[in-house]
Amino acid sequence: QVQLVASGGGLVQPGGSLQLSCTGPGFTFSYYAIGWFRQAPGKERERVLCSSSDDEPYWDDSKKGRFTISRDNAENTVFLQMTDLKPDDTAIYYCARRYFCSSPTSLDWGQGTQVTVPS
């Protein structure tokens, strides 16, 4: 079973920035899309950004360009760079392996990393 590890979460003040990392040893990273999702307390999980296998970004869904995604296939890592963070961005952030960013489901999920932006 593929294991993804999300890291980089923490407590950040409003307006601050944070970079999350998702690593995935054990499979050919460049063959897959990697998506970031988040789930806030009491809310459904929502998608954030996805990096396709050819390193194109997809989704955004009203993050209004505050977040960017990039990948380093040589290091089997996808990064989620978040800027101008707001209290509404508080959530557990998960990464997931997918065949495509447009796929209806994900193949594997990481354990999540907590991001907290106090109000």
C-alpha atoms as a PDB file:
ATOM      1  CA  GLN A   1       0.000   0.000   0.000  1.00  0.00           C
ATOM      2  CA  VAL A   2       1.268   3.435  -0.919  1.00  0.00           C
ATOM      3  CA  GLN A   3       1.888   5.746   2.007  1.00  0.00           C
ATOM      4  CA  LEU A   4       1.791   9.496   1.689  1.00  0.00           C
ATOM      5  CA  VAL A   5       3.150  11.778   4.386  1.00  0.00           C
ATOM      6  CA  ALA A   6       1.888  15.317   4.758  1.00  0.00           C
ATOM      7  CA  SER A   7       3.922  17.721   6.871  1.00  0.00           C
ATOM      8  CA  GLY A   8       4.573  21.376   7.490  1.00  0.00           C
ATOM      9  CA  GLY A   9       1.430  22.380   9.318  1.00  0.00           C
ATOM     10  CA  GLY A  10       1.397  24.589  12.363  1.00  0.00           C
ATOM     11  CA  LEU A  11       0.089  27.731  13.976  1.00  0.00           C
ATOM     12  CA  VAL A  12       0.381  30.856  11.845  1.00  0.00           C
ATOM     13  CA  GLN A  13      -0.982  34.347  12.388  1.00  0.00           C
ATOM     14  CA  PRO A  14      -3.525  35.833   9.959  1.00  0.00           C
ATOM     15  CA  GLY A  15      -1.802  37.135   6.883  1.00  0.00           C
ATOM     16  CA  GLY A  16       1.083  34.745   7.322  1.00  0.00           C
ATOM     17  CA  SER A  17       2.406  32.038   5.041  1.00  0.00           C
ATOM     18  CA  LEU A  18       3.039  28.349   5.338  1.00  0.00           C
ATOM     19  CA  GLN A  19       4.383  25.643   3.073  1.00  0.00           C
ATOM     20  CA  LEU A  20       3.105  22.105   3.314  1.00  0.00           C
ATOM     21  CA  SER A  21       4.903  19.100   1.876  1.00  0.00           C
ATOM     22  CA  CYS A  22       3.594  15.766   0.708  1.00  0.00           C
ATOM     23  CA  THR A  23       6.073  12.984   0.186  1.00  0.00           C
ATOM     24  CA  GLY A  24       5.369   9.575  -1.241  1.00  0.00           C
ATOM     25  CA  PRO A  25       8.140   7.014  -1.333  1.00  0.00           C
ATOM     26  CA  GLY A  26       7.510   3.692  -2.979  1.00  0.00           C
ATOM     27  CA  PHE A  27       5.904   4.651  -6.265  1.00  0.00           C
ATOM     28  CA  THR A  28       6.840   6.561  -9.394  1.00  0.00           C
ATOM     29  CA  PHE A  29       5.726   9.985  -8.332  1.00  0.00           C
ATOM     30  CA  SER A  30       5.813  11.525 -11.772  1.00  0.00           C
ATOM     31  CA  TYR A  31       3.130   9.147 -13.058  1.00  0.00           C
ATOM     32  CA  TYR A  32       0.428  10.495 -10.761  1.00  0.00           C
ATOM     33  CA  ALA A  33      -1.482  13.580  -9.870  1.00  0.00           C
ATOM     34  CA  ILE A  34      -1.217  14.705  -6.264  1.00  0.00           C
ATOM     35  CA  GLY A  35      -4.077  16.661  -4.767  1.00  0.00           C
ATOM     36  CA  TRP A  36      -4.372  18.666  -1.581  1.00  0.00           C
ATOM     37  CA  PHE A  37      -7.612  18.669   0.359  1.00  0.00           C
ATOM     38  CA  ARG A  38      -8.635  20.117   3.675  1.00  0.00           C
ATOM     39  CA  GLN A  39     -11.253  19.493   6.303  1.00  0.00           C
ATOM     40  CA  ALA A  40     -12.244  22.085   8.865  1.00  0.00           C
ATOM     41  CA  PRO A  41     -13.984  21.124  12.122  1.00  0.00           C
ATOM     42  CA  GLY A  42     -17.617  20.316  11.487  1.00  0.00           C
ATOM     43  CA  LYS A  43     -17.295  20.707   7.729  1.00  0.00           C
ATOM     44  CA  GLU A  44     -16.953  18.382   4.800  1.00  0.00           C
ATOM     45  CA  ARG A  45     -13.600  17.797   3.209  1.00  0.00           C
ATOM     46  CA  GLU A  46     -12.972  20.139   0.283  1.00  0.00           C
ATOM     47  CA  ARG A  47     -10.437  20.190  -2.455  1.00  0.00           C
ATOM     48  CA  VAL A  48      -7.675  22.778  -2.547  1.00  0.00           C
ATOM     49  CA  LEU A  49      -5.170  22.322  -5.358  1.00  0.00           C
ATOM     50  CA  CYS A  50      -3.917  19.481  -7.498  1.00  0.00           C
ATOM     51  CA  SER A  51      -0.673  18.974  -9.371  1.00  0.00           C
ATOM     52  CA  SER A  52      -1.088  16.854 -12.468  1.00  0.00           C
ATOM     53  CA  SER A  53       1.543  14.360 -13.570  1.00  0.00           C
ATOM     54  CA  ASP A  54       2.798  16.936 -16.071  1.00  0.00           C
ATOM     55  CA  ASP A  55       3.036  19.545 -13.316  1.00  0.00           C
ATOM     56  CA  GLU A  56      -0.009  21.586 -14.265  1.00  0.00           C
ATOM     57  CA  PRO A  57      -2.107  23.038 -11.419  1.00  0.00           C
ATOM     58  CA  TYR A  58      -5.830  22.406 -11.165  1.00  0.00           C
ATOM     59  CA  TRP A  59      -8.704  23.486  -8.883  1.00  0.00           C
ATOM     60  CA  ASP A  60      -8.546  26.518  -6.606  1.00  0.00           C
ATOM     61  CA  ASP A  61     -12.204  26.912  -5.719  1.00  0.00           C
ATOM     62  CA  SER A  62     -12.196  30.417  -4.281  1.00  0.00           C
ATOM     63  CA  LYS A  63      -8.781  30.377  -2.653  1.00  0.00           C
ATOM     64  CA  LYS A  64      -8.322  33.362  -4.973  1.00  0.00           C
ATOM     65  CA  GLY A  65      -4.777  32.631  -5.921  1.00  0.00           C
ATOM     66  CA  ARG A  66      -3.483  32.682  -2.347  1.00  0.00           C
ATOM     67  CA  PHE A  67      -2.292  29.097  -2.647  1.00  0.00           C
ATOM     68  CA  THR A  68       0.109  27.625  -5.188  1.00  0.00           C
ATOM     69  CA  ILE A  69       1.222  24.078  -5.824  1.00  0.00           C
ATOM     70  CA  SER A  70       4.484  22.719  -7.144  1.00  0.00           C
ATOM     71  CA  ARG A  71       6.261  19.412  -7.300  1.00  0.00           C
ATOM     72  CA  ASP A  72       9.738  17.957  -7.264  1.00  0.00           C
ATOM     73  CA  ASN A  73       9.501  14.524  -8.831  1.00  0.00           C
ATOM     74  CA  ALA A  74      13.133  13.748  -8.100  1.00  0.00           C
ATOM     75  CA  GLU A  75      12.334  14.126  -4.398  1.00  0.00           C
ATOM     76  CA  ASN A  76       8.860  12.567  -4.629  1.00  0.00           C
ATOM     77  CA  THR A  77       7.422  15.693  -3.077  1.00  0.00           C
ATOM     78  CA  VAL A  78       4.560  18.066  -3.786  1.00  0.00           C
ATOM     79  CA  PHE A  79       4.447  21.430  -2.044  1.00  0.00           C
ATOM     80  CA  LEU A  80       1.457  23.561  -1.157  1.00  0.00           C
ATOM     81  CA  GLN A  81       2.486  27.158  -0.641  1.00  0.00           C
ATOM     82  CA  MET A  82      -0.145  29.140   1.243  1.00  0.00           C
ATOM     83  CA  THR A  83      -0.061  32.899   1.631  1.00  0.00           C
ATOM     84  CA  ASP A  84      -2.296  35.528   3.248  1.00  0.00           C
ATOM     85  CA  LEU A  85      -3.720  32.894   5.528  1.00  0.00           C
ATOM     86  CA  LYS A  86      -7.076  33.522   7.158  1.00  0.00           C
ATOM     87  CA  PRO A  87      -8.866  31.954  10.118  1.00  0.00           C
ATOM     88  CA  ASP A  88     -11.150  30.176   7.627  1.00  0.00           C
ATOM     89  CA  ASP A  89      -8.081  28.308   6.348  1.00  0.00           C
ATOM     90  CA  THR A  90      -7.856  26.470   9.664  1.00  0.00           C
ATOM     91  CA  ALA A  91      -8.208  22.778   8.864  1.00  0.00           C
ATOM     92  CA  ILE A  92      -6.441  19.473   8.597  1.00  0.00           C
ATOM     93  CA  TYR A  93      -4.755  19.380   5.217  1.00  0.00           C
ATOM     94  CA  TYR A  94      -4.445  16.066   3.423  1.00  0.00           C
ATOM     95  CA  CYS A  95      -2.630  15.041   0.282  1.00  0.00           C
ATOM     96  CA  ALA A  96      -3.842  12.283  -1.980  1.00  0.00           C
ATOM     97  CA  ARG A  97      -2.562  10.330  -4.944  1.00  0.00           C
ATOM     98  CA  ARG A  98      -4.771  10.286  -8.008  1.00  0.00           C
ATOM     99  CA  TYR A  99      -4.554   9.089 -11.550  1.00  0.00           C
ATOM    100  CA  PHE A 100      -5.626  12.521 -12.740  1.00  0.00           C
ATOM    101  CA  CYS A 101      -6.698  15.726 -11.077  1.00  0.00           C
ATOM    102  CA  SER A 102     -10.082  15.188 -12.746  1.00  0.00           C
ATOM    103  CA  SER A 103     -10.448  11.673 -11.327  1.00  0.00           C
ATOM    104  CA  PRO A 104     -13.583  11.233  -9.211  1.00  0.00           C
ATOM    105  CA  THR A 105     -11.694   9.498  -6.427  1.00  0.00           C
ATOM    106  CA  SER A 106      -8.233   9.305  -4.917  1.00  0.00           C
ATOM    107  CA  LEU A 107      -6.079   6.191  -4.698  1.00  0.00           C
ATOM    108  CA  ASP A 108      -4.311   6.851  -1.428  1.00  0.00           C
ATOM    109  CA  TRP A 109      -4.384   9.461   1.325  1.00  0.00           C
ATOM    110  CA  GLY A 110      -1.824  10.874   3.683  1.00  0.00           C
ATOM    111  CA  GLN A 111      -2.482  11.234   7.404  1.00  0.00           C
ATOM    112  CA  GLY A 112      -3.031  14.981   7.346  1.00  0.00           C
ATOM    113  CA  THR A 113      -1.284  17.953   8.881  1.00  0.00           C
ATOM    114  CA  GLN A 114      -3.005  20.568  11.033  1.00  0.00           C
ATOM    115  CA  VAL A 115      -2.995  24.213  10.014  1.00  0.00           C
ATOM    116  CA  THR A 116      -4.326  26.696  12.552  1.00  0.00           C
ATOM    117  CA  VAL A 117      -4.885  30.380  11.883  1.00  0.00           C
ATOM    118  CA  PRO A 118      -6.310  32.073  14.991  1.00  0.00           C
ATOM    119  CA  SER A 119      -8.952  34.753  14.690  1.00  0.00           C
END
